[in-house]
Amino acid sequence: MISATERREQLKAVYEHARGCTRCPLHQTRTTVVFGSGNADADLMFVGEAPGANEDKLGLPFVGQAGKLLEKLLGEIGLDRSQVFICNTVKCRPPNNRDPHPNEIESCHDYLRSQVELIEPTVICTLGNFATKLLRADTTGISRLHGQEEVRTIGTRAIRLYPLYHPAAALYTPSTLEILRADFHRIPQLIALGAPQQPEVADELPEVADELPEVADELPEVADELPEPDGVQSDLPPAERAGPDELTSAGEPGPAGERAESVTRLSPAAEVIQLDLFSLPPA
């Protein structure tokens, strides 16, 4: 059993590997790798779909209006952003906010699996259709699954998976916001249950700083267009995919395709924030 401090250092090593990743074509168009941020020993983890334009610039997930709503909902259950870990299924922004392609999901899967194994969360909340379908390896839509917890194993870690509507969808629809709020208020109960029984694993985790192996598991092609089984449209309509995280000051989606030249380091603003990217609670 490694300590929280050791797991934090290993998580930083995975981040350093990810920030220079060239496994898929997304590295050619990204500005910044958006690895994730928060408490490296969190009981609660949120997983979204992919970075947007603002996240791509700053290197941090959920920094727009959807992120503000997420923080507000956390406050309602007595938590704040520094106590949880937030990340996405893929770490680089897809061009024009399209859905990630299967090869891009596969290329990033090791990073997400390492995050789960090293942070050791009790509860993982998937935000929206895409993350829910990917982590469940199933095509059932969020409208049927939201607010229903289940035990799943990701890598070597068994967790309580809890699907939620994406905060961006709730910004546009008051009824969705009320559903999201009600589901959110159940999170403390799930955390209080503690982690589910863990599968037997090897005595030590592999050195995550080393070259990560290619994913062997077959991932479902959740990037393909999947109809909602109950006729409810996707929680993120295509016309709003730029969404609240990418609105200009005039309230309109920013120009498609605008980005800085591809780099393998954080932007200056993100370098400052990076000092606190992975935190640990006070001893």
Protein backbone atom coordinates (compact mmCIF):
# COMPACT_ATOMS: atom_id res chain seq x y z
CA MET A 1 0.00 0.00 0.00
CA ILE A 2 1.54 3.30 -1.05
CA SER A 3 0.86 6.54 0.83
CA ALA A 4 -1.21 9.45 -0.44
CA THR A 5 1.95 11.49 -0.90
CA GLU A 6 3.54 8.75 -2.99
CA ARG A 7 0.41 8.45 -5.09
CA ARG A 8 0.46 12.20 -5.65
CA GLU A 9 4.03 12.03 -6.90
CA GLN A 10 3.15 9.17 -9.23
CA LEU A 11 0.17 11.16 -10.50
CA LYS A 12 2.48 14.06 -11.27
CA ALA A 13 4.70 11.65 -13.21
CA VAL A 14 1.71 10.54 -15.28
CA TYR A 15 0.91 14.18 -15.94
CA GLU A 16 4.44 14.91 -17.10
CA HIS A 17 4.16 11.99 -19.50
CA ALA A 18 0.75 13.13 -20.75
CA ARG A 19 1.74 16.74 -21.38
CA GLY A 20 4.16 15.59 -24.09
CA CYS A 21 1.89 12.90 -25.51
CA THR A 22 1.81 12.45 -29.30
CA ARG A 23 -0.20 9.21 -29.43
CA CYS A 24 -3.06 10.58 -31.51
CA PRO A 25 -3.58 13.43 -33.98
CA LEU A 26 -5.07 15.71 -31.32
CA HIS A 27 -1.56 16.72 -30.27
CA GLN A 28 -1.24 18.54 -33.59
CA THR A 29 -4.08 20.95 -32.84
CA ARG A 30 -4.10 21.32 -29.06
CA THR A 31 -2.73 24.31 -27.21
CA THR A 32 -2.45 22.58 -23.84
CA VAL A 33 -2.93 19.12 -22.39
CA VAL A 34 -5.84 19.34 -19.92
CA PHE A 35 -4.87 16.51 -17.59
CA GLY A 36 -7.16 17.35 -14.67
CA SER A 37 -6.94 19.18 -11.37
CA GLY A 38 -7.94 18.91 -7.74
CA ASN A 39 -7.27 16.81 -4.68
CA ALA A 40 -4.95 13.90 -5.47
CA ASP A 41 -6.49 11.95 -2.57
CA ALA A 42 -10.14 12.77 -3.30
CA ASP A 43 -13.08 10.55 -2.42
CA LEU A 44 -15.08 12.18 -5.23
CA MET A 45 -14.02 12.41 -8.87
CA PHE A 46 -15.82 13.97 -11.84
CA VAL A 47 -15.20 12.83 -15.41
CA GLY A 48 -16.43 14.89 -18.36
CA GLU A 49 -16.05 14.44 -22.10
CA ALA A 50 -13.24 16.62 -23.48
CA PRO A 51 -11.70 20.08 -23.01
CA GLY A 52 -13.27 23.12 -24.66
CA ALA A 53 -11.56 26.24 -25.97
CA ASN A 54 -11.06 27.90 -22.57
CA GLU A 55 -9.78 24.69 -21.03
CA ASP A 56 -7.39 24.27 -23.94
CA LYS A 57 -5.97 27.74 -23.27
CA LEU A 58 -5.67 27.44 -19.49
CA GLY A 59 -4.87 23.75 -19.08
CA LEU A 60 -7.63 23.28 -16.50
CA PRO A 61 -10.99 21.47 -16.81
CA PHE A 62 -14.37 23.14 -16.34
CA VAL A 63 -13.30 26.79 -16.17
CA GLY A 64 -16.40 28.36 -17.81
CA GLN A 65 -20.06 28.74 -16.86
CA ALA A 66 -20.57 24.98 -16.57
CA GLY A 67 -17.64 24.89 -14.16
CA LYS A 68 -19.18 27.67 -12.08
CA LEU A 69 -22.41 25.71 -11.83
CA LEU A 70 -20.45 22.61 -10.82
CA GLU A 71 -18.76 24.60 -8.05
CA LYS A 72 -22.12 25.99 -6.88
CA LEU A 73 -23.61 22.50 -6.66
CA LEU A 74 -20.55 21.29 -4.76
CA GLY A 75 -21.06 24.12 -2.28
CA GLU A 76 -24.65 23.01 -1.71
CA ILE A 77 -23.40 19.64 -0.45
CA GLY A 78 -20.64 21.13 1.70
CA LEU A 79 -17.71 20.60 -0.68
CA ASP A 80 -15.54 22.81 -2.83
CA ARG A 81 -13.41 22.26 -5.90
CA SER A 82 -10.21 21.77 -3.89
CA GLN A 83 -11.71 18.65 -2.26
CA VAL A 84 -12.53 16.77 -5.47
CA PHE A 85 -10.70 15.79 -8.65
CA ILE A 86 -12.01 16.85 -12.06
CA CYS A 87 -10.88 15.52 -15.44
CA ASN A 88 -12.10 14.41 -18.87
CA THR A 89 -12.09 11.18 -20.83
CA VAL A 90 -9.65 12.72 -23.32
CA LYS A 91 -6.99 15.24 -22.39
CA CYS A 92 -6.78 17.32 -25.58
CA ARG A 93 -9.46 19.42 -27.23
CA PRO A 94 -10.94 17.88 -30.40
CA PRO A 95 -11.07 20.41 -33.27
CA ASN A 96 -14.30 22.43 -33.40
CA ASN A 97 -15.53 20.58 -30.30
CA ARG A 98 -16.44 17.46 -32.24
CA ASP A 99 -16.82 14.16 -30.40
CA PRO A 100 -13.53 12.37 -29.75
CA HIS A 101 -12.78 9.59 -32.22
CA PRO A 102 -12.32 5.98 -31.04
CA ASN A 103 -8.55 6.05 -31.57
CA GLU A 104 -8.31 9.24 -29.50
CA ILE A 105 -10.33 7.68 -26.68
CA GLU A 106 -8.13 4.60 -26.78
CA SER A 107 -4.96 6.69 -26.74
CA CYS A 108 -6.10 8.52 -23.59
CA HIS A 109 -7.61 5.56 -21.76
CA ASP A 110 -4.39 4.66 -19.95
CA TYR A 111 -4.17 8.17 -18.51
CA LEU A 112 -7.71 8.03 -17.14
CA ARG A 113 -7.15 4.55 -15.75
CA SER A 114 -3.94 5.69 -14.01
CA GLN A 115 -5.77 8.68 -12.53
CA VAL A 116 -8.43 6.41 -11.04
CA GLU A 117 -5.89 3.92 -9.71
CA LEU A 118 -3.69 6.60 -8.11
CA ILE A 119 -6.34 8.95 -6.73
CA GLU A 120 -8.40 6.01 -5.42
CA PRO A 121 -11.82 7.74 -5.40
CA THR A 122 -14.85 6.20 -3.74
CA VAL A 123 -17.35 7.78 -6.15
CA ILE A 124 -16.89 8.78 -9.80
CA CYS A 125 -19.57 11.03 -11.26
CA THR A 126 -19.73 10.86 -15.04
CA LEU A 127 -20.96 14.15 -16.50
CA GLY A 128 -23.19 13.69 -19.53
CA ASN A 129 -23.79 11.06 -22.17
CA PHE A 130 -20.32 10.61 -23.54
CA ALA A 131 -18.41 9.96 -20.31
CA THR A 132 -21.23 7.77 -18.99
CA LYS A 133 -21.32 5.55 -22.08
CA LEU A 134 -17.53 5.24 -22.13
CA LEU A 135 -17.01 4.32 -18.48
CA ARG A 136 -19.96 1.92 -18.50
CA ALA A 137 -18.96 0.42 -21.88
CA ASP A 138 -22.63 0.60 -22.80
CA THR A 139 -24.79 2.73 -25.08
CA THR A 140 -27.62 3.45 -22.61
CA GLY A 141 -28.23 7.19 -22.47
CA ILE A 142 -27.89 9.55 -19.52
CA SER A 143 -31.64 10.26 -19.42
CA ARG A 144 -32.20 6.66 -18.27
CA LEU A 145 -29.16 6.33 -16.02
CA HIS A 146 -28.80 9.63 -14.18
CA GLY A 147 -28.91 9.33 -10.40
CA GLN A 148 -28.47 5.55 -10.42
CA GLU A 149 -25.25 4.40 -8.81
CA GLU A 150 -23.55 1.10 -9.58
CA VAL A 151 -20.24 -0.58 -8.77
CA ARG A 152 -17.77 -0.65 -11.64
CA THR A 153 -14.09 -1.53 -11.92
CA ILE A 154 -11.77 0.82 -13.79
CA GLY A 155 -8.28 -0.58 -14.13
CA THR A 156 -7.58 -2.10 -10.71
CA ARG A 157 -9.97 0.17 -8.78
CA ALA A 158 -13.57 -0.67 -7.92
CA ILE A 159 -15.65 2.51 -7.59
CA ARG A 160 -19.23 3.66 -7.21
CA LEU A 161 -20.14 5.07 -10.62
CA TYR A 162 -22.80 7.77 -10.49
CA PRO A 163 -24.02 9.25 -13.81
CA LEU A 164 -25.16 12.88 -13.84
CA TYR A 165 -26.44 15.29 -16.45
CA HIS A 166 -23.71 17.58 -17.76
CA PRO A 167 -23.81 21.02 -16.05
CA ALA A 168 -23.80 22.65 -19.49
CA ALA A 169 -27.13 21.02 -20.31
CA ALA A 170 -28.58 22.23 -17.01
CA LEU A 171 -27.66 25.83 -17.82
CA TYR A 172 -30.11 25.84 -20.70
CA THR A 173 -32.98 23.86 -19.16
CA PRO A 174 -34.38 24.67 -15.70
CA SER A 175 -36.01 21.24 -15.39
CA THR A 176 -32.67 19.55 -16.07
CA LEU A 177 -31.04 21.75 -13.45
CA GLU A 178 -33.54 20.59 -10.84
CA ILE A 179 -32.88 16.95 -11.74
CA LEU A 180 -29.12 17.53 -11.58
CA ARG A 181 -29.45 19.28 -8.21
CA ALA A 182 -31.53 16.44 -6.76
CA ASP A 183 -29.03 13.84 -8.01
CA PHE A 184 -26.14 15.91 -6.70
CA HIS A 185 -27.57 15.97 -3.20
CA ARG A 186 -27.27 12.17 -3.02
CA ILE A 187 -23.49 12.27 -3.45
CA PRO A 188 -22.64 12.60 0.29
CA GLN A 189 -24.66 9.44 0.98
CA LEU A 190 -22.68 7.52 -1.63
CA ILE A 191 -19.36 8.74 -0.26
CA ALA A 192 -20.45 7.71 3.23
CA LEU A 193 -20.94 4.13 2.02
CA GLY A 194 -17.20 3.91 1.49
CA ALA A 195 -15.37 2.26 -1.37
CA PRO A 196 -16.74 -1.08 -2.61
CA GLN A 197 -14.75 -4.26 -2.11
CA GLN A 198 -11.61 -4.05 -4.21
CA PRO A 199 -10.47 -6.73 -6.66
CA GLU A 200 -7.26 -8.55 -5.89
CA VAL A 201 -4.32 -6.88 -7.61
CA ALA A 202 -0.56 -7.23 -7.72
CA ASP A 203 1.31 -6.03 -4.65
CA GLU A 204 2.61 -2.91 -6.38
CA LEU A 205 1.36 -0.65 -9.13
CA PRO A 206 3.63 -0.40 -12.17
CA GLU A 207 5.94 2.57 -12.48
CA VAL A 208 3.56 5.02 -14.10
CA ALA A 209 6.40 7.33 -15.06
CA ASP A 210 7.60 4.73 -17.52
CA GLU A 211 6.19 4.43 -21.02
CA LEU A 212 2.55 3.52 -20.62
CA PRO A 213 1.43 0.42 -22.52
CA GLU A 214 -1.01 0.61 -25.35
CA VAL A 215 -4.57 -0.16 -24.29
CA ALA A 216 -5.37 -3.81 -24.84
CA ASP A 217 -9.07 -3.67 -24.00
CA GLU A 218 -11.59 -3.07 -26.71
CA LEU A 219 -13.32 0.24 -26.13
CA PRO A 220 -16.87 0.82 -27.39
CA GLU A 221 -17.09 3.26 -30.25
CA VAL A 222 -19.00 5.77 -28.19
CA ALA A 223 -17.80 8.56 -30.45
CA ASP A 224 -20.19 7.34 -33.12
CA GLU A 225 -23.63 8.89 -33.14
CA LEU A 226 -25.78 6.97 -30.69
CA PRO A 227 -29.51 7.67 -30.48
CA GLU A 228 -31.05 8.19 -27.06
CA PRO A 229 -33.15 5.08 -26.36
CA ASP A 230 -36.03 7.04 -24.87
CA GLY A 231 -36.24 9.72 -27.51
CA VAL A 232 -34.61 12.39 -25.35
CA GLN A 233 -32.04 14.41 -27.20
CA SER A 234 -28.41 14.46 -26.15
CA ASP A 235 -27.65 16.61 -23.12
CA LEU A 236 -25.32 18.72 -25.26
CA PRO A 237 -27.05 19.75 -28.51
CA PRO A 238 -24.68 20.13 -31.49
CA ALA A 239 -25.63 23.78 -31.89
CA GLU A 240 -24.54 24.39 -28.31
CA ARG A 241 -21.43 22.22 -28.23
CA ALA A 242 -19.27 25.35 -27.95
CA GLY A 243 -21.46 25.81 -24.90
CA PRO A 244 -21.17 28.05 -21.84
CA ASP A 245 -17.52 27.20 -21.37
CA GLU A 246 -16.68 28.85 -24.68
CA LEU A 247 -18.93 31.90 -24.95
CA THR A 248 -17.43 35.21 -25.96
CA SER A 249 -18.14 38.36 -23.99
CA ALA A 250 -21.02 39.00 -26.36
CA GLY A 251 -22.56 35.64 -25.45
CA GLU A 252 -21.86 34.00 -28.80
CA PRO A 253 -19.74 30.90 -29.44
CA GLY A 254 -16.17 31.78 -30.27
CA PRO A 255 -14.86 31.34 -33.83
CA ALA A 256 -14.33 27.71 -34.74
CA GLY A 257 -10.83 26.49 -35.04
CA GLU A 258 -9.11 29.41 -33.26
CA ARG A 259 -6.14 28.08 -31.30
CA ALA A 260 -2.50 28.73 -30.65
CA GLU A 261 0.21 26.73 -32.36
CA SER A 262 0.50 23.21 -30.93
CA VAL A 263 2.89 23.06 -28.00
CA THR A 264 3.91 20.43 -25.47
CA ARG A 265 3.96 22.70 -22.43
CA LEU A 266 1.37 24.67 -20.47
CA SER A 267 0.50 28.22 -21.41
CA PRO A 268 2.03 30.88 -19.08
CA ALA A 269 -1.28 31.27 -17.22
CA ALA A 270 -1.51 27.54 -16.65
CA GLU A 271 2.12 27.33 -15.51
CA VAL A 272 1.19 29.54 -12.56
CA ILE A 273 -1.89 27.49 -11.70
CA GLN A 274 0.08 24.27 -12.19
CA LEU A 275 1.82 24.78 -8.86
CA ASP A 276 -1.42 23.68 -7.19
CA LEU A 277 -2.69 21.29 -9.87
CA PHE A 278 -2.60 18.28 -7.54
CA SER A 279 -3.26 19.03 -3.91
CA LEU A 280 -3.45 16.96 -0.77
CA PRO A 281 -5.62 17.70 2.28
CA PRO A 282 -3.83 19.14 5.35
CA ALA A 283 -2.28 16.51 7.60
